[in-house]
Amino acid sequence: MPSAAASALVTRFAAPRIDVSLLDAIIGKHLVPKCAMQVKRSSELGPYERRTSNDYQCDCYFENATTGVTPAACKACRTSSDCPSERPACNYGFCEVH
């Protein structure tokens, strides 16, 4: 069994929506957070598969943070009501699919 401190740390990374400061730290270390991944693997070292789930996404935030450019499909938002129907979720300040 992991210690309470270890459990608290793992829980921060396992949450569907992680705190923006943690997201920035992950990106700052040149890693891709789960919410920005476009592919997945079904098994250890298995073939890549396109992400198809309804997982929380941060693709636009990640692209903007890593390149300094906001992709054309990404719209800035404050709330989900600012987003179009094809990208209805306002995540980290950008309209996302999920």
PDB file of N, CA and C in Angstrom:
ATOM      1  N   MET A   1       0.849  -1.191   0.000  1.00  0.00           N
ATOM      2  CA  MET A   1       0.000   0.000   0.000  1.00  0.00           C
ATOM      3  C   MET A   1       0.886   1.243   0.000  1.00  0.00           C
ATOM      4  N   PRO A   2       0.570   2.203  -0.865  1.00  0.00           N
ATOM      5  CA  PRO A   2       1.359   3.434  -0.873  1.00  0.00           C
ATOM      6  C   PRO A   2       1.077   4.278   0.370  1.00  0.00           C
ATOM      7  N   SER A   3       2.032   5.100   0.704  1.00  0.00           N
ATOM      8  CA  SER A   3       1.850   5.991   1.850  1.00  0.00           C
ATOM      9  C   SER A   3       0.810   7.052   1.505  1.00  0.00           C
ATOM     10  N   ALA A   4       0.362   7.773   2.515  1.00  0.00           N
ATOM     11  CA  ALA A   4      -0.621   8.838   2.303  1.00  0.00           C
ATOM     12  C   ALA A   4      -0.047   9.922   1.388  1.00  0.00           C
ATOM     13  N   ALA A   5       1.224  10.244   1.563  1.00  0.00           N
ATOM     14  CA  ALA A   5       1.864  11.267   0.732  1.00  0.00           C
ATOM     15  C   ALA A   5       1.941  10.808  -0.728  1.00  0.00           C
ATOM     16  N   ALA A   6       2.302   9.546  -0.941  1.00  0.00           N
ATOM     17  CA  ALA A   6       2.377   9.010  -2.306  1.00  0.00           C
ATOM     18  C   ALA A   6       0.994   8.995  -2.943  1.00  0.00           C
ATOM     19  N   SER A   7      -0.009   8.593  -2.194  1.00  0.00           N
ATOM     20  CA  SER A   7      -1.378   8.573  -2.713  1.00  0.00           C
ATOM     21  C   SER A   7      -1.842   9.973  -3.104  1.00  0.00           C
ATOM     22  N   ALA A   8      -1.504  10.957  -2.295  1.00  0.00           N
ATOM     23  CA  ALA A   8      -1.890  12.340  -2.593  1.00  0.00           C
ATOM     24  C   ALA A   8      -1.234  12.826  -3.881  1.00  0.00           C
ATOM     25  N   LEU A   9       0.012  12.467  -4.098  1.00  0.00           N
ATOM     26  CA  LEU A   9       0.722  12.870  -5.311  1.00  0.00           C
ATOM     27  C   LEU A   9       0.123  12.191  -6.537  1.00  0.00           C
ATOM     28  N   VAL A  10      -0.085  10.904  -6.475  1.00  0.00           N
ATOM     29  CA  VAL A  10      -0.640  10.155  -7.603  1.00  0.00           C
ATOM     30  C   VAL A  10      -2.041  10.658  -7.944  1.00  0.00           C
ATOM     31  N   THR A  11      -2.829  10.972  -6.942  1.00  0.00           N
ATOM     32  CA  THR A  11      -4.193  11.462  -7.152  1.00  0.00           C
ATOM     33  C   THR A  11      -4.184  12.761  -7.957  1.00  0.00           C
ATOM     34  N   ARG A  12      -3.229  13.634  -7.713  1.00  0.00           N
ATOM     35  CA  ARG A  12      -3.144  14.895  -8.467  1.00  0.00           C
ATOM     36  C   ARG A  12      -2.941  14.633  -9.953  1.00  0.00           C
ATOM     37  N   PHE A  13      -2.170  13.615 -10.304  1.00  0.00           N
ATOM     38  CA  PHE A  13      -1.901  13.293 -11.706  1.00  0.00           C
ATOM     39  C   PHE A  13      -3.025  12.473 -12.334  1.00  0.00           C
ATOM     40  N   ALA A  14      -3.761  11.729 -11.546  1.00  0.00           N
ATOM     41  CA  ALA A  14      -4.788  10.826 -12.055  1.00  0.00           C
ATOM     42  C   ALA A  14      -6.136  11.508 -12.274  1.00  0.00           C
ATOM     43  N   ALA A  15      -6.312  12.676 -11.736  1.00  0.00           N
ATOM     44  CA  ALA A  15      -7.590  13.377 -11.886  1.00  0.00           C
ATOM     45  C   ALA A  15      -7.852  13.693 -13.355  1.00  0.00           C
ATOM     46  N   PRO A  16      -9.114  13.635 -13.800  1.00  0.00           N
ATOM     47  CA  PRO A  16      -9.413  13.948 -15.199  1.00  0.00           C
ATOM     48  C   PRO A  16      -8.980  15.368 -15.582  1.00  0.00           C
ATOM     49  N   ARG A  17      -9.226  16.319 -14.707  1.00  0.00           N
ATOM     50  CA  ARG A  17      -8.805  17.702 -14.938  1.00  0.00           C
ATOM     51  C   ARG A  17      -7.794  18.059 -13.860  1.00  0.00           C
ATOM     52  N   ILE A  18      -6.552  18.225 -14.274  1.00  0.00           N
ATOM     53  CA  ILE A  18      -5.518  18.566 -13.303  1.00  0.00           C
ATOM     54  C   ILE A  18      -5.402  20.081 -13.168  1.00  0.00           C
ATOM     55  N   ASP A  19      -4.877  20.515 -12.056  1.00  0.00           N
ATOM     56  CA  ASP A  19      -4.688  21.933 -11.792  1.00  0.00           C
ATOM     57  C   ASP A  19      -3.796  22.538 -12.868  1.00  0.00           C
ATOM     58  N   VAL A  20      -4.101  23.760 -13.280  1.00  0.00           N
ATOM     59  CA  VAL A  20      -3.339  24.403 -14.360  1.00  0.00           C
ATOM     60  C   VAL A  20      -1.856  24.550 -14.009  1.00  0.00           C
ATOM     61  N   SER A  21      -1.515  24.744 -12.748  1.00  0.00           N
ATOM     62  CA  SER A  21      -0.098  24.859 -12.378  1.00  0.00           C
ATOM     63  C   SER A  21       0.622  23.525 -12.584  1.00  0.00           C
ATOM     64  N   LEU A  22      -0.046  22.417 -12.310  1.00  0.00           N
ATOM     65  CA  LEU A  22       0.535  21.102 -12.556  1.00  0.00           C
ATOM     66  C   LEU A  22       0.637  20.848 -14.062  1.00  0.00           C
ATOM     67  N   LEU A  23      -0.396  21.234 -14.799  1.00  0.00           N
ATOM     68  CA  LEU A  23      -0.368  21.111 -16.259  1.00  0.00           C
ATOM     69  C   LEU A  23       0.806  21.895 -16.840  1.00  0.00           C
ATOM     70  N   ASP A  24       1.006  23.117 -16.384  1.00  0.00           N
ATOM     71  CA  ASP A  24       2.131  23.931 -16.853  1.00  0.00           C
ATOM     72  C   ASP A  24       3.475  23.308 -16.487  1.00  0.00           C
ATOM     73  N   ALA A  25       3.562  22.711 -15.309  1.00  0.00           N
ATOM     74  CA  ALA A  25       4.810  22.050 -14.898  1.00  0.00           C
ATOM     75  C   ALA A  25       5.105  20.847 -15.791  1.00  0.00           C
ATOM     76  N   ILE A  26       4.096  20.073 -16.129  1.00  0.00           N
ATOM     77  CA  ILE A  26       4.277  18.918 -17.017  1.00  0.00           C
ATOM     78  C   ILE A  26       4.762  19.390 -18.385  1.00  0.00           C
ATOM     79  N   ILE A  27       4.077  20.383 -18.938  1.00  0.00           N
ATOM     80  CA  ILE A  27       4.453  20.919 -20.246  1.00  0.00           C
ATOM     81  C   ILE A  27       5.848  21.537 -20.185  1.00  0.00           C
ATOM     82  N   GLY A  28       6.161  22.211 -19.088  1.00  0.00           N
ATOM     83  CA  GLY A  28       7.468  22.838 -18.917  1.00  0.00           C
ATOM     84  C   GLY A  28       8.615  21.843 -18.885  1.00  0.00           C
ATOM     85  N   LYS A  29       8.330  20.600 -18.555  1.00  0.00           N
ATOM     86  CA  LYS A  29       9.351  19.537 -18.547  1.00  0.00           C
ATOM     87  C   LYS A  29       9.365  18.768 -19.873  1.00  0.00           C
ATOM     88  N   HIS A  30       8.698  19.334 -20.894  1.00  0.00           N
ATOM     89  CA  HIS A  30       8.670  18.751 -22.246  1.00  0.00           C
ATOM     90  C   HIS A  30       7.978  17.389 -22.281  1.00  0.00           C
ATOM     91  N   LEU A  31       6.956  17.249 -21.436  1.00  0.00           N
ATOM     92  CA  LEU A  31       6.144  16.042 -21.428  1.00  0.00           C
ATOM     93  C   LEU A  31       4.759  16.377 -21.981  1.00  0.00           C
ATOM     94  N   VAL A  32       4.062  15.375 -22.453  1.00  0.00           N
ATOM     95  CA  VAL A  32       2.713  15.572 -22.980  1.00  0.00           C
ATOM     96  C   VAL A  32       1.720  15.079 -21.922  1.00  0.00           C
ATOM     97  N   PRO A  33       0.870  15.966 -21.412  1.00  0.00           N
ATOM     98  CA  PRO A  33      -0.118  15.526 -20.427  1.00  0.00           C
ATOM     99  C   PRO A  33      -1.160  14.629 -21.085  1.00  0.00           C
ATOM    100  N   LYS A  34      -1.773  13.773 -20.297  1.00  0.00           N
ATOM    101  CA  LYS A  34      -2.771  12.838 -20.820  1.00  0.00           C
ATOM    102  C   LYS A  34      -3.878  13.555 -21.580  1.00  0.00           C
ATOM    103  N   CYS A  35      -4.295  14.713 -21.103  1.00  0.00           N
ATOM    104  CA  CYS A  35      -5.404  15.424 -21.741  1.00  0.00           C
ATOM    105  C   CYS A  35      -5.063  15.941 -23.138  1.00  0.00           C
ATOM    106  N   ALA A  36      -3.776  15.976 -23.491  1.00  0.00           N
ATOM    107  CA  ALA A  36      -3.359  16.448 -24.817  1.00  0.00           C
ATOM    108  C   ALA A  36      -2.924  15.313 -25.740  1.00  0.00           C
ATOM    109  N   MET A  37      -2.943  14.101 -25.256  1.00  0.00           N
ATOM    110  CA  MET A  37      -2.494  12.979 -26.082  1.00  0.00           C
ATOM    111  C   MET A  37      -3.531  12.648 -27.144  1.00  0.00           C
ATOM    112  N   GLN A  38      -3.071  12.402 -28.336  1.00  0.00           N
ATOM    113  CA  GLN A  38      -3.939  12.066 -29.462  1.00  0.00           C
ATOM    114  C   GLN A  38      -4.016  10.562 -29.702  1.00  0.00           C
ATOM    115  N   VAL A  39      -3.113   9.820 -29.063  1.00  0.00           N
ATOM    116  CA  VAL A  39      -3.077   8.367 -29.234  1.00  0.00           C
ATOM    117  C   VAL A  39      -3.028   7.684 -27.877  1.00  0.00           C
ATOM    118  N   LYS A  40      -3.260   6.380 -27.897  1.00  0.00           N
ATOM    119  CA  LYS A  40      -3.179   5.578 -26.681  1.00  0.00           C
ATOM    120  C   LYS A  40      -2.633   4.210 -27.061  1.00  0.00           C
ATOM    121  N   ARG A  41      -2.341   3.411 -26.071  1.00  0.00           N
ATOM    122  CA  ARG A  41      -1.934   2.025 -26.275  1.00  0.00           C
ATOM    123  C   ARG A  41      -2.828   1.151 -25.420  1.00  0.00           C
ATOM    124  N   SER A  42      -3.226   0.006 -25.959  1.00  0.00           N
ATOM    125  CA  SER A  42      -4.068  -0.922 -25.202  1.00  0.00           C
ATOM    126  C   SER A  42      -3.248  -1.821 -24.302  1.00  0.00           C
ATOM    127  N   SER A  43      -1.956  -1.967 -24.636  1.00  0.00           N
ATOM    128  CA  SER A  43      -1.079  -2.810 -23.837  1.00  0.00           C
ATOM    129  C   SER A  43       0.314  -2.184 -23.800  1.00  0.00           C
ATOM    130  N   GLU A  44       1.107  -2.611 -22.862  1.00  0.00           N
ATOM    131  CA  GLU A  44       2.471  -2.110 -22.722  1.00  0.00           C
ATOM    132  C   GLU A  44       3.231  -2.312 -24.028  1.00  0.00           C
ATOM    133  N   LEU A  45       3.742  -1.219 -24.596  1.00  0.00           N
ATOM    134  CA  LEU A  45       4.478  -1.207 -25.857  1.00  0.00           C
ATOM    135  C   LEU A  45       3.675  -1.729 -27.042  1.00  0.00           C
ATOM    136  N   GLY A  46       2.341  -1.768 -26.892  1.00  0.00           N
ATOM    137  CA  GLY A  46       1.478  -2.177 -27.995  1.00  0.00           C
ATOM    138  C   GLY A  46       1.411  -1.092 -29.052  1.00  0.00           C
ATOM    139  N   PRO A  47       0.722  -1.348 -30.137  1.00  0.00           N
ATOM    140  CA  PRO A  47       0.631  -0.365 -31.214  1.00  0.00           C
ATOM    141  C   PRO A  47      -0.176   0.861 -30.778  1.00  0.00           C
ATOM    142  N   TYR A  48       0.132   1.984 -31.398  1.00  0.00           N
ATOM    143  CA  TYR A  48      -0.623   3.201 -31.129  1.00  0.00           C
ATOM    144  C   TYR A  48      -2.024   3.076 -31.715  1.00  0.00           C
ATOM    145  N   GLU A  49      -2.987   3.620 -30.998  1.00  0.00           N
ATOM    146  CA  GLU A  49      -4.366   3.685 -31.463  1.00  0.00           C
ATOM    147  C   GLU A  49      -4.842   5.117 -31.282  1.00  0.00           C
ATOM    148  N   ARG A  50      -5.656   5.594 -32.179  1.00  0.00           N
ATOM    149  CA  ARG A  50      -6.195   6.946 -32.082  1.00  0.00           C
ATOM    150  C   ARG A  50      -7.094   7.047 -30.860  1.00  0.00           C
ATOM    151  N   ARG A  51      -6.971   8.135 -30.119  1.00  0.00           N
ATOM    152  CA  ARG A  51      -7.826   8.372 -28.956  1.00  0.00           C
ATOM    153  C   ARG A  51      -9.258   8.569 -29.432  1.00  0.00           C
ATOM    154  N   THR A  52     -10.174   7.810 -28.881  1.00  0.00           N
ATOM    155  CA  THR A  52     -11.576   7.909 -29.277  1.00  0.00           C
ATOM    156  C   THR A  52     -12.498   8.154 -28.093  1.00  0.00           C
ATOM    157  N   SER A  53     -11.957   8.201 -26.912  1.00  0.00           N
ATOM    158  CA  SER A  53     -12.800   8.328 -25.719  1.00  0.00           C
ATOM    159  C   SER A  53     -13.269   9.761 -25.515  1.00  0.00           C
ATOM    160  N   ASN A  54     -14.144   9.922 -24.573  1.00  0.00           N
ATOM    161  CA  ASN A  54     -14.665  11.232 -24.216  1.00  0.00           C
ATOM    162  C   ASN A  54     -13.871  11.845 -23.064  1.00  0.00           C
ATOM    163  N   ASP A  55     -12.584  11.528 -22.999  1.00  0.00           N
ATOM    164  CA  ASP A  55     -11.744  12.057 -21.928  1.00  0.00           C
ATOM    165  C   ASP A  55     -11.639  13.576 -22.015  1.00  0.00           C
ATOM    166  N   TYR A  56     -11.421  14.177 -20.881  1.00  0.00           N
ATOM    167  CA  TYR A  56     -11.198  15.614 -20.787  1.00  0.00           C
ATOM    168  C   TYR A  56     -10.013  15.987 -21.674  1.00  0.00           C
ATOM    169  N   GLN A  57     -10.146  17.006 -22.492  1.00  0.00           N
ATOM    170  CA  GLN A  57      -9.099  17.387 -23.433  1.00  0.00           C
ATOM    171  C   GLN A  57      -8.491  18.751 -23.125  1.00  0.00           C
ATOM    172  N   CYS A  58      -7.210  18.883 -23.468  1.00  0.00           N
ATOM    173  CA  CYS A  58      -6.521  20.170 -23.357  1.00  0.00           C
ATOM    174  C   CYS A  58      -5.605  20.379 -24.563  1.00  0.00           C
ATOM    175  N   ASP A  59      -6.028  19.867 -25.714  1.00  0.00           N
ATOM    176  CA  ASP A  59      -5.228  19.962 -26.931  1.00  0.00           C
ATOM    177  C   ASP A  59      -4.862  21.407 -27.275  1.00  0.00           C
ATOM    178  N   CYS A  60      -5.846  22.296 -27.251  1.00  0.00           N
ATOM    179  CA  CYS A  60      -5.607  23.687 -27.635  1.00  0.00           C
ATOM    180  C   CYS A  60      -4.648  24.379 -26.667  1.00  0.00           C
ATOM    181  N   TYR A  61      -4.856  24.168 -25.380  1.00  0.00           N
ATOM    182  CA  TYR A  61      -3.969  24.766 -24.377  1.00  0.00           C
ATOM    183  C   TYR A  61      -2.547  24.264 -24.577  1.00  0.00           C
ATOM    184  N   PHE A  62      -2.393  22.962 -24.784  1.00  0.00           N
ATOM    185  CA  PHE A  62      -1.075  22.362 -24.979  1.00  0.00           C
ATOM    186  C   PHE A  62      -0.397  22.928 -26.227  1.00  0.00           C
ATOM    187  N   GLU A  63      -1.112  22.975 -27.335  1.00  0.00           N
ATOM    188  CA  GLU A  63      -0.520  23.499 -28.579  1.00  0.00           C
ATOM    189  C   GLU A  63      -0.105  24.953 -28.407  1.00  0.00           C
ATOM    190  N   ASN A  64      -0.949  25.754 -27.763  1.00  0.00           N
ATOM    191  CA  ASN A  64      -0.623  27.150 -27.533  1.00  0.00           C
ATOM    192  C   ASN A  64       0.580  27.300 -26.614  1.00  0.00           C
ATOM    193  N   ALA A  65       0.631  26.484 -25.573  1.00  0.00           N
ATOM    194  CA  ALA A  65       1.739  26.567 -24.604  1.00  0.00           C
ATOM    195  C   ALA A  65       3.066  26.111 -25.208  1.00  0.00           C
ATOM    196  N   THR A  66       3.032  25.125 -26.095  1.00  0.00           N
ATOM    197  CA  THR A  66       4.284  24.578 -26.636  1.00  0.00           C
ATOM    198  C   THR A  66       4.768  25.294 -27.884  1.00  0.00           C
ATOM    199  N   THR A  67       3.850  25.896 -28.655  1.00  0.00           N
ATOM    200  CA  THR A  67       4.259  26.544 -29.903  1.00  0.00           C
ATOM    201  C   THR A  67       4.090  28.052 -29.876  1.00  0.00           C
ATOM    202  N   GLY A  68       3.268  28.544 -28.948  1.00  0.00           N
ATOM    203  CA  GLY A  68       2.975  29.970 -28.909  1.00  0.00           C
ATOM    204  C   GLY A  68       1.928  30.373 -29.945  1.00  0.00           C
ATOM    205  N   VAL A  69       1.391  29.384 -30.654  1.00  0.00           N
ATOM    206  CA  VAL A  69       0.392  29.633 -31.694  1.00  0.00           C
ATOM    207  C   VAL A  69      -0.885  28.877 -31.323  1.00  0.00           C
ATOM    208  N   THR A  70      -2.003  29.542 -31.453  1.00  0.00           N
ATOM    209  CA  THR A  70      -3.288  28.885 -31.217  1.00  0.00           C
ATOM    210  C   THR A  70      -3.775  28.307 -32.540  1.00  0.00           C
ATOM    211  N   PRO A  71      -3.999  27.000 -32.611  1.00  0.00           N
ATOM    212  CA  PRO A  71      -4.503  26.398 -33.850  1.00  0.00           C
ATOM    213  C   PRO A  71      -5.816  27.042 -34.295  1.00  0.00           C
ATOM    214  N   ALA A  72      -6.049  27.063 -35.600  1.00  0.00           N
ATOM    215  CA  ALA A  72      -7.234  27.709 -36.171  1.00  0.00           C
ATOM    216  C   ALA A  72      -8.534  27.149 -35.593  1.00  0.00           C
ATOM    217  N   ALA A  73      -8.579  25.862 -35.294  1.00  0.00           N
ATOM    218  CA  ALA A  73      -9.800  25.237 -34.774  1.00  0.00           C
ATOM    219  C   ALA A  73     -10.072  25.613 -33.320  1.00  0.00           C
ATOM    220  N   CYS A  74      -9.109  26.211 -32.660  1.00  0.00           N
ATOM    221  CA  CYS A  74      -9.230  26.528 -31.239  1.00  0.00           C
ATOM    222  C   CYS A  74      -9.722  27.955 -31.039  1.00  0.00           C
ATOM    223  N   LYS A  75     -10.715  28.093 -30.202  1.00  0.00           N
ATOM    224  CA  LYS A  75     -11.277  29.398 -29.880  1.00  0.00           C
ATOM    225  C   LYS A  75     -11.095  29.645 -28.389  1.00  0.00           C
ATOM    226  N   ALA A  76     -10.682  30.838 -28.034  1.00  0.00           N
ATOM    227  CA  ALA A  76     -10.547  31.193 -26.622  1.00  0.00           C
ATOM    228  C   ALA A  76     -11.940  31.309 -26.004  1.00  0.00           C
ATOM    229  N   CYS A  77     -12.036  30.976 -24.713  1.00  0.00           N
ATOM    230  CA  CYS A  77     -13.326  31.034 -24.027  1.00  0.00           C
ATOM    231  C   CYS A  77     -13.121  31.320 -22.545  1.00  0.00           C
ATOM    232  N   ARG A  78     -14.212  31.766 -21.923  1.00  0.00           N
ATOM    233  CA  ARG A  78     -14.240  31.930 -20.465  1.00  0.00           C
ATOM    234  C   ARG A  78     -15.148  30.888 -19.841  1.00  0.00           C
ATOM    235  N   THR A  79     -16.226  30.566 -20.557  1.00  0.00           N
ATOM    236  CA  THR A  79     -17.166  29.535 -20.118  1.00  0.00           C
ATOM    237  C   THR A  79     -17.594  28.729 -21.338  1.00  0.00           C
ATOM    238  N   SER A  80     -18.235  27.606 -21.109  1.00  0.00           N
ATOM    239  CA  SER A  80     -18.702  26.756 -22.208  1.00  0.00           C
ATOM    240  C   SER A  80     -19.717  27.464 -23.103  1.00  0.00           C
ATOM    241  N   SER A  81     -20.419  28.455 -22.576  1.00  0.00           N
ATOM    242  CA  SER A  81     -21.395  29.183 -23.401  1.00  0.00           C
ATOM    243  C   SER A  81     -20.710  30.007 -24.490  1.00  0.00           C
ATOM    244  N   ASP A  82     -19.398  30.231 -24.387  1.00  0.00           N
ATOM    245  CA  ASP A  82     -18.629  30.937 -25.411  1.00  0.00           C
ATOM    246  C   ASP A  82     -18.242  30.027 -26.576  1.00  0.00           C
ATOM    247  N   CYS A  83     -18.496  28.719 -26.440  1.00  0.00           N
ATOM    248  CA  CYS A  83     -17.998  27.733 -27.403  1.00  0.00           C
ATOM    249  C   CYS A  83     -19.054  27.289 -28.404  1.00  0.00           C
ATOM    250  N   PRO A  84     -18.608  26.960 -29.627  1.00  0.00           N
ATOM    251  CA  PRO A  84     -19.541  26.442 -30.640  1.00  0.00           C
ATOM    252  C   PRO A  84     -19.931  25.001 -30.330  1.00  0.00           C
ATOM    253  N   SER A  85     -20.992  24.528 -30.959  1.00  0.00           N
ATOM    254  CA  SER A  85     -21.511  23.190 -30.669  1.00  0.00           C
ATOM    255  C   SER A  85     -20.526  22.075 -31.013  1.00  0.00           C
ATOM    256  N   GLU A  86     -19.663  22.266 -32.010  1.00  0.00           N
ATOM    257  CA  GLU A  86     -18.707  21.212 -32.357  1.00  0.00           C
ATOM    258  C   GLU A  86     -17.519  21.135 -31.388  1.00  0.00           C
ATOM    259  N   ARG A  87     -17.337  22.154 -30.565  1.00  0.00           N
ATOM    260  CA  ARG A  87     -16.295  22.169 -29.539  1.00  0.00           C
ATOM    261  C   ARG A  87     -16.900  22.825 -28.290  1.00  0.00           C
ATOM    262  N   PRO A  88     -17.832  22.135 -27.612  1.00  0.00           N
ATOM    263  CA  PRO A  88     -18.649  22.756 -26.568  1.00  0.00           C
ATOM    264  C   PRO A  88     -18.028  22.904 -25.172  1.00  0.00           C
ATOM    265  N   ALA A  89     -16.864  22.326 -24.948  1.00  0.00           N
ATOM    266  CA  ALA A  89     -16.273  22.365 -23.600  1.00  0.00           C
ATOM    267  C   ALA A  89     -15.207  23.443 -23.495  1.00  0.00           C
ATOM    268  N   CYS A  90     -15.324  24.301 -22.505  1.00  0.00           N
ATOM    269  CA  CYS A  90     -14.305  25.334 -22.268  1.00  0.00           C
ATOM    270  C   CYS A  90     -13.312  24.778 -21.242  1.00  0.00           C
ATOM    271  N   ASN A  91     -12.157  24.333 -21.729  1.00  0.00           N
ATOM    272  CA  ASN A  91     -11.123  23.724 -20.885  1.00  0.00           C
ATOM    273  C   ASN A  91      -9.856  24.570 -20.931  1.00  0.00           C
ATOM    274  N   TYR A  92      -9.414  25.017 -19.794  1.00  0.00           N
ATOM    275  CA  TYR A  92      -8.189  25.818 -19.692  1.00  0.00           C
ATOM    276  C   TYR A  92      -8.208  27.020 -20.626  1.00  0.00           C
ATOM    277  N   GLY A  93      -9.369  27.599 -20.834  1.00  0.00           N
ATOM    278  CA  GLY A  93      -9.475  28.827 -21.625  1.00  0.00           C
ATOM    279  C   GLY A  93      -9.633  28.625 -23.116  1.00  0.00           C
ATOM    280  N   PHE A  94      -9.844  27.385 -23.565  1.00  0.00           N
ATOM    281  CA  PHE A  94     -10.049  27.112 -24.993  1.00  0.00           C
ATOM    282  C   PHE A  94     -11.211  26.146 -25.176  1.00  0.00           C
ATOM    283  N   CYS A  95     -11.936  26.312 -26.297  1.00  0.00           N
ATOM    284  CA  CYS A  95     -13.036  25.421 -26.632  1.00  0.00           C
ATOM    285  C   CYS A  95     -12.467  24.087 -27.126  1.00  0.00           C
ATOM    286  N   GLU A  96     -12.915  23.003 -26.513  1.00  0.00           N
ATOM    287  CA  GLU A  96     -12.444  21.643 -26.857  1.00  0.00           C
ATOM    288  C   GLU A  96     -13.652  20.765 -27.148  1.00  0.00           C
ATOM    289  N   VAL A  97     -13.416  19.626 -27.774  1.00  0.00           N
ATOM    290  CA  VAL A  97     -14.482  18.684 -28.089  1.00  0.00           C
ATOM    291  C   VAL A  97     -15.054  18.089 -26.815  1.00  0.00           C
ATOM    292  N   HIS A  98     -14.200  17.721 -25.856  1.00  0.00           N
ATOM    293  CA  HIS A  98     -14.638  17.132 -24.583  1.00  0.00           C
ATOM    294  C   HIS A  98     -13.936  17.841 -23.442  1.00  0.00           C
TER     295      HIS A  98
END
